[in-house]
Amino acid sequence: MKKINLFIFCILGMQLLSAQTAYDIMQAARDKTKLSGLEAISTLIIRDAKGRERIRKTVMASKSYSEEIEKRIIRFLEPADVKGMGMLIVDYDDQDDDMWVYIPANRQSRRIVSSEKSKSFMGSEFSNADMSAPNLHDFNYRILGEESINGAVCWKIEICPVNTSKEDEYGFLRKITWVKKTDNIALKSEYYDFDNELHKVLMILEYKEMDALNHTFIVSNMKIENRQNGRTSDMIMNKVQFNPNVPDTYFTLTYLEKP
């Protein structure tokens, strides 16, 4: 009986150690893309199942205020029907993120509630939640093994929301993410719907080191494909500038609503 109990204890200990290790890997991947300040001009390309495109141009700025808080603003430049629309995001490491969306026709900002975070970002296959860095404590993690992506050896991590409320908030039952072992950069993610069917596949096509001192990066080109409806969306950074001194006034509702 003692041997059986010891065996069970060891198995449980290994599972806990594996879960902790998986969390550490995802924390390292998160830290690799945390920059003190950034400004960028981007292109969002939205394609339907027949390959017809809609193109959106955006300007974005972000700034870290501490280890726990990062702020981000996104403004649409073109085409004319979306010009002036924007989103303000405050990322917290230990609580739910705050999000606001501004639509010029309404002339006021509106807070995005948790149930809306899984909805489409500007008609693309990206979600509103994809525009922020998720709280790592909203998920449980498990290492599934190792696998190569384009010749790079990666950790294969299963990520599951901690409860049904978080499943609804993020819009998936589980996610599998491949994190490169050499530099902790995430290269691919698969999203599974509530029937555990493959829904979307996200590929990181390019990333750039922005802060050489801290060896932190930005994803400069990524594509997401909806395997269930055939639609795809690309997010491409056309111009990026590392800037720790981004003005604080950018990250206010007043600035978000500015014409």
Protein backbone atom coordinates (compact mmCIF):
# COMPACT_ATOMS: atom_id res chain seq x y z
CA MET A 1 0.00 0.00 0.00
CA LYS A 2 2.85 2.38 0.84
CA LYS A 3 4.41 1.68 -2.55
CA ILE A 4 1.11 2.40 -4.31
CA ASN A 5 0.66 5.64 -2.37
CA LEU A 6 4.24 6.65 -3.15
CA PHE A 7 3.67 5.92 -6.85
CA ILE A 8 0.49 8.03 -6.92
CA PHE A 9 2.29 10.84 -5.08
CA CYS A 10 5.13 10.77 -7.62
CA ILE A 11 2.71 10.84 -10.56
CA LEU A 12 0.82 13.79 -9.07
CA GLY A 13 4.10 15.54 -8.36
CA MET A 14 5.23 15.07 -11.95
CA GLN A 15 1.93 16.47 -13.23
CA LEU A 16 2.22 19.52 -10.99
CA LEU A 17 5.82 20.04 -12.06
CA SER A 18 4.83 19.72 -15.72
CA ALA A 19 1.99 22.25 -15.26
CA GLN A 20 4.35 24.69 -13.56
CA THR A 21 6.94 24.23 -16.29
CA ALA A 22 4.31 24.85 -18.96
CA TYR A 23 3.24 28.02 -17.19
CA ASP A 24 6.86 29.19 -17.01
CA ILE A 25 7.27 28.64 -20.75
CA MET A 26 4.17 30.72 -21.51
CA GLN A 27 5.31 33.42 -19.09
CA ALA A 28 8.66 33.56 -20.88
CA ALA A 29 6.88 33.80 -24.25
CA ARG A 30 4.77 36.66 -22.91
CA ASP A 31 7.83 38.48 -21.57
CA LYS A 32 9.55 38.20 -24.96
CA THR A 33 6.93 40.49 -26.52
CA LYS A 34 6.60 42.98 -23.66
CA LEU A 35 8.12 46.28 -24.79
CA SER A 36 8.55 49.48 -22.80
CA GLY A 37 7.09 51.51 -25.67
CA LEU A 38 6.20 51.17 -29.33
CA GLU A 39 4.56 52.98 -32.25
CA ALA A 40 3.53 51.26 -35.47
CA ILE A 41 1.57 51.57 -38.69
CA SER A 42 -0.13 48.34 -39.72
CA THR A 43 -2.23 46.75 -42.42
CA LEU A 44 -5.11 44.40 -41.67
CA ILE A 45 -6.10 42.27 -44.68
CA ILE A 46 -9.43 40.43 -44.42
CA ARG A 47 -10.21 37.72 -47.00
CA ASP A 48 -13.45 35.82 -47.45
CA ALA A 49 -13.68 32.20 -48.58
CA LYS A 50 -13.48 33.30 -52.24
CA GLY A 51 -10.32 35.32 -51.68
CA ARG A 52 -11.96 38.74 -51.93
CA GLU A 53 -10.07 41.27 -49.81
CA ARG A 54 -10.88 44.18 -47.55
CA ILE A 55 -7.91 46.22 -46.37
CA ARG A 56 -7.69 48.34 -43.22
CA LYS A 57 -4.83 50.67 -42.27
CA THR A 58 -4.19 51.32 -38.59
CA VAL A 59 -1.83 53.22 -36.33
CA MET A 60 -0.96 51.75 -32.95
CA ALA A 61 0.96 52.76 -29.84
CA SER A 62 1.74 50.81 -26.68
CA LYS A 63 3.55 51.47 -23.42
CA SER A 64 4.43 49.46 -20.32
CA TYR A 65 3.93 51.20 -16.98
CA SER A 66 5.12 48.46 -14.67
CA GLU A 67 5.51 44.71 -14.62
CA GLU A 68 1.72 44.47 -14.26
CA ILE A 69 0.26 47.11 -16.63
CA GLU A 70 0.57 47.71 -20.36
CA LYS A 71 -1.57 50.17 -22.34
CA ARG A 72 -2.35 50.09 -26.06
CA ILE A 73 -4.32 52.25 -28.46
CA ILE A 74 -5.35 51.36 -32.02
CA ARG A 75 -6.76 53.92 -34.47
CA PHE A 76 -8.06 53.21 -37.98
CA LEU A 77 -6.77 55.45 -40.76
CA GLU A 78 -8.50 54.00 -43.82
CA PRO A 79 -10.71 53.25 -45.68
CA ALA A 80 -13.13 56.09 -45.14
CA ASP A 81 -15.92 53.94 -43.64
CA VAL A 82 -13.74 52.96 -40.66
CA LYS A 83 -11.53 56.06 -40.36
CA GLY A 84 -11.46 57.38 -36.80
CA MET A 85 -12.63 54.16 -35.20
CA GLY A 86 -10.38 52.94 -32.43
CA MET A 87 -9.75 50.78 -29.42
CA LEU A 88 -8.09 51.50 -26.08
CA ILE A 89 -6.78 48.54 -24.08
CA VAL A 90 -5.30 48.31 -20.60
CA ASP A 91 -3.61 44.95 -19.99
CA TYR A 92 -3.26 43.75 -16.39
CA ASP A 93 -1.24 40.73 -15.33
CA ASP A 94 -3.42 39.97 -12.31
CA GLN A 95 -6.96 41.06 -13.27
CA ASP A 96 -9.28 41.31 -16.26
CA ASP A 97 -8.20 43.69 -19.02
CA ASP A 98 -10.11 46.88 -19.73
CA MET A 99 -11.18 47.60 -23.32
CA TRP A 100 -13.03 50.47 -24.94
CA VAL A 101 -14.10 50.91 -28.54
CA TYR A 102 -14.80 54.25 -30.20
CA ILE A 103 -17.10 54.63 -33.22
CA PRO A 104 -17.16 58.21 -34.61
CA ALA A 105 -20.82 58.00 -35.62
CA ASN A 106 -21.76 57.44 -31.96
CA ARG A 107 -19.37 60.17 -30.74
CA GLN A 108 -18.58 58.31 -27.55
CA SER A 109 -16.52 55.39 -26.31
CA ARG A 110 -18.09 52.17 -25.13
CA ARG A 111 -16.55 49.64 -22.79
CA ILE A 112 -16.19 46.14 -24.23
CA VAL A 113 -17.60 43.68 -21.70
CA SER A 114 -16.16 40.20 -21.15
CA SER A 115 -18.79 38.50 -23.32
CA GLU A 116 -17.71 40.64 -26.31
CA LYS A 117 -13.99 39.87 -26.14
CA SER A 118 -14.39 36.70 -28.20
CA LYS A 119 -16.16 38.58 -30.99
CA SER A 120 -14.53 39.53 -34.29
CA PHE A 121 -12.11 42.43 -34.37
CA MET A 122 -13.32 44.72 -37.17
CA GLY A 123 -14.82 41.84 -39.16
CA SER A 124 -11.57 39.86 -39.21
CA GLU A 125 -10.81 36.36 -37.96
CA PHE A 126 -8.88 37.92 -35.09
CA SER A 127 -10.96 38.47 -31.95
CA ASN A 128 -11.08 41.49 -29.67
CA ALA A 129 -9.23 39.36 -27.11
CA ASP A 130 -6.40 38.85 -29.62
CA MET A 131 -5.67 42.58 -29.43
CA SER A 132 -4.51 42.25 -25.83
CA ALA A 133 -2.15 40.00 -23.91
CA PRO A 134 -4.32 37.48 -22.03
CA ASN A 135 -4.00 37.09 -18.29
CA LEU A 136 -1.92 33.94 -17.84
CA HIS A 137 -3.88 33.03 -14.71
CA ASP A 138 -7.03 32.62 -16.83
CA PHE A 139 -5.69 29.30 -18.14
CA ASN A 140 -4.33 25.92 -17.18
CA TYR A 141 -1.28 24.65 -19.07
CA ARG A 142 0.16 21.27 -20.03
CA ILE A 143 3.22 20.27 -22.03
CA LEU A 144 2.22 17.85 -24.80
CA GLY A 145 5.78 17.28 -25.98
CA GLU A 146 8.10 18.73 -28.59
CA GLU A 147 7.54 19.36 -32.28
CA SER A 148 9.34 21.26 -35.04
CA ILE A 149 7.85 24.22 -36.91
CA ASN A 150 9.79 25.09 -40.07
CA GLY A 151 12.88 23.42 -38.63
CA ALA A 152 12.63 25.12 -35.21
CA VAL A 153 12.22 22.78 -32.24
CA CYS A 154 9.26 23.94 -30.14
CA TRP A 155 7.51 23.14 -26.91
CA LYS A 156 3.94 22.08 -27.66
CA ILE A 157 1.69 23.55 -24.95
CA GLU A 158 -2.01 22.87 -24.37
CA ILE A 159 -3.83 25.91 -22.95
CA CYS A 160 -7.32 25.57 -21.45
CA PRO A 161 -9.44 28.31 -19.84
CA VAL A 162 -9.83 27.70 -16.11
CA ASN A 163 -13.64 27.65 -16.21
CA THR A 164 -16.65 27.97 -18.53
CA SER A 165 -16.85 31.72 -17.93
CA LYS A 166 -13.32 32.14 -19.31
CA GLU A 167 -14.15 29.77 -22.18
CA ASP A 168 -16.98 32.11 -23.18
CA GLU A 169 -14.79 35.17 -22.71
CA TYR A 170 -12.00 33.90 -24.97
CA GLY A 171 -14.20 31.91 -27.34
CA PHE A 172 -12.43 28.53 -27.31
CA LEU A 173 -12.41 25.27 -25.40
CA ARG A 174 -8.67 24.84 -25.68
CA LYS A 175 -5.66 26.08 -27.60
CA ILE A 176 -2.39 24.44 -28.56
CA THR A 177 0.62 26.75 -28.91
CA TRP A 178 4.08 25.96 -30.25
CA VAL A 179 6.84 27.95 -28.49
CA LYS A 180 10.36 27.92 -29.93
CA LYS A 181 12.79 26.47 -27.40
CA THR A 182 15.77 28.63 -28.37
CA ASP A 183 14.19 32.04 -27.71
CA ASN A 184 10.68 31.45 -26.28
CA ILE A 185 8.90 32.93 -29.31
CA ALA A 186 5.43 31.51 -30.04
CA LEU A 187 5.24 30.38 -33.70
CA LYS A 188 1.81 28.80 -34.05
CA SER A 189 -1.50 28.34 -32.25
CA GLU A 190 -4.49 26.12 -32.94
CA TYR A 191 -7.88 27.07 -31.48
CA TYR A 192 -10.54 24.42 -30.81
CA ASP A 193 -14.23 25.25 -30.52
CA PHE A 194 -16.66 24.04 -27.85
CA ASP A 195 -17.17 20.78 -29.76
CA ASN A 196 -13.39 20.30 -29.62
CA GLU A 197 -13.17 20.75 -33.39
CA LEU A 198 -10.30 22.70 -34.94
CA HIS A 199 -11.57 26.23 -35.52
CA LYS A 200 -8.66 28.58 -36.27
CA VAL A 201 -4.94 28.33 -36.93
CA LEU A 202 -2.65 31.26 -36.18
CA MET A 203 0.80 31.38 -37.78
CA ILE A 204 3.55 33.83 -36.79
CA LEU A 205 5.29 34.53 -40.08
CA GLU A 206 7.78 37.17 -38.95
CA TYR A 207 8.98 38.83 -35.76
CA LYS A 208 11.59 41.51 -35.13
CA GLU A 209 13.80 42.33 -32.18
CA MET A 210 12.92 45.85 -31.09
CA ASP A 211 14.76 46.23 -27.78
CA ALA A 212 18.28 44.80 -28.16
CA LEU A 213 19.12 45.46 -24.51
CA ASN A 214 16.27 43.33 -23.16
CA HIS A 215 16.01 41.03 -26.20
CA THR A 216 12.30 41.68 -26.67
CA PHE A 217 10.42 41.31 -29.92
CA ILE A 218 7.31 42.30 -31.81
CA VAL A 219 5.29 40.06 -34.10
CA SER A 220 5.48 41.91 -37.42
CA ASN A 221 3.52 39.52 -39.63
CA MET A 222 0.88 36.99 -38.65
CA LYS A 223 -1.92 35.14 -40.38
CA ILE A 224 -5.01 33.52 -38.93
CA GLU A 225 -7.13 31.03 -40.87
CA ASN A 226 -10.64 29.94 -40.00
CA ARG A 227 -10.71 26.26 -40.94
CA GLN A 228 -14.50 26.14 -40.68
CA ASN A 229 -15.50 28.97 -43.01
CA GLY A 230 -12.40 29.39 -45.18
CA ARG A 231 -11.76 33.01 -44.20
CA THR A 232 -8.29 34.37 -43.42
CA SER A 233 -6.87 37.57 -41.95
CA ASP A 234 -3.35 39.00 -42.01
CA MET A 235 -1.88 41.55 -39.61
CA ILE A 236 1.27 43.16 -41.01
CA MET A 237 3.42 45.81 -39.34
CA ASN A 238 4.54 48.14 -42.15
CA LYS A 239 6.47 50.58 -39.99
CA VAL A 240 7.58 50.03 -36.40
CA GLN A 241 9.47 52.31 -34.02
CA PHE A 242 10.70 51.38 -30.55
CA ASN A 243 9.83 54.35 -28.33
CA PRO A 244 9.82 54.06 -24.50
CA ASN A 245 8.72 57.72 -24.35
CA VAL A 246 5.32 57.39 -26.01
CA PRO A 247 3.19 60.24 -24.54
CA ASP A 248 0.89 59.13 -21.73
CA THR A 249 -1.91 61.24 -23.23
CA TYR A 250 -2.26 58.67 -26.04
CA PHE A 251 -3.76 56.16 -23.62
CA THR A 252 -6.84 58.10 -22.55
CA LEU A 253 -10.48 58.11 -23.62
CA THR A 254 -10.07 61.78 -24.55
CA TYR A 255 -7.37 60.91 -27.07
CA LEU A 256 -9.32 57.87 -28.32
CA GLU A 257 -12.28 60.14 -29.12
CA LYS A 258 -10.14 62.84 -30.69
CA PRO A 259 -11.14 63.58 -34.34
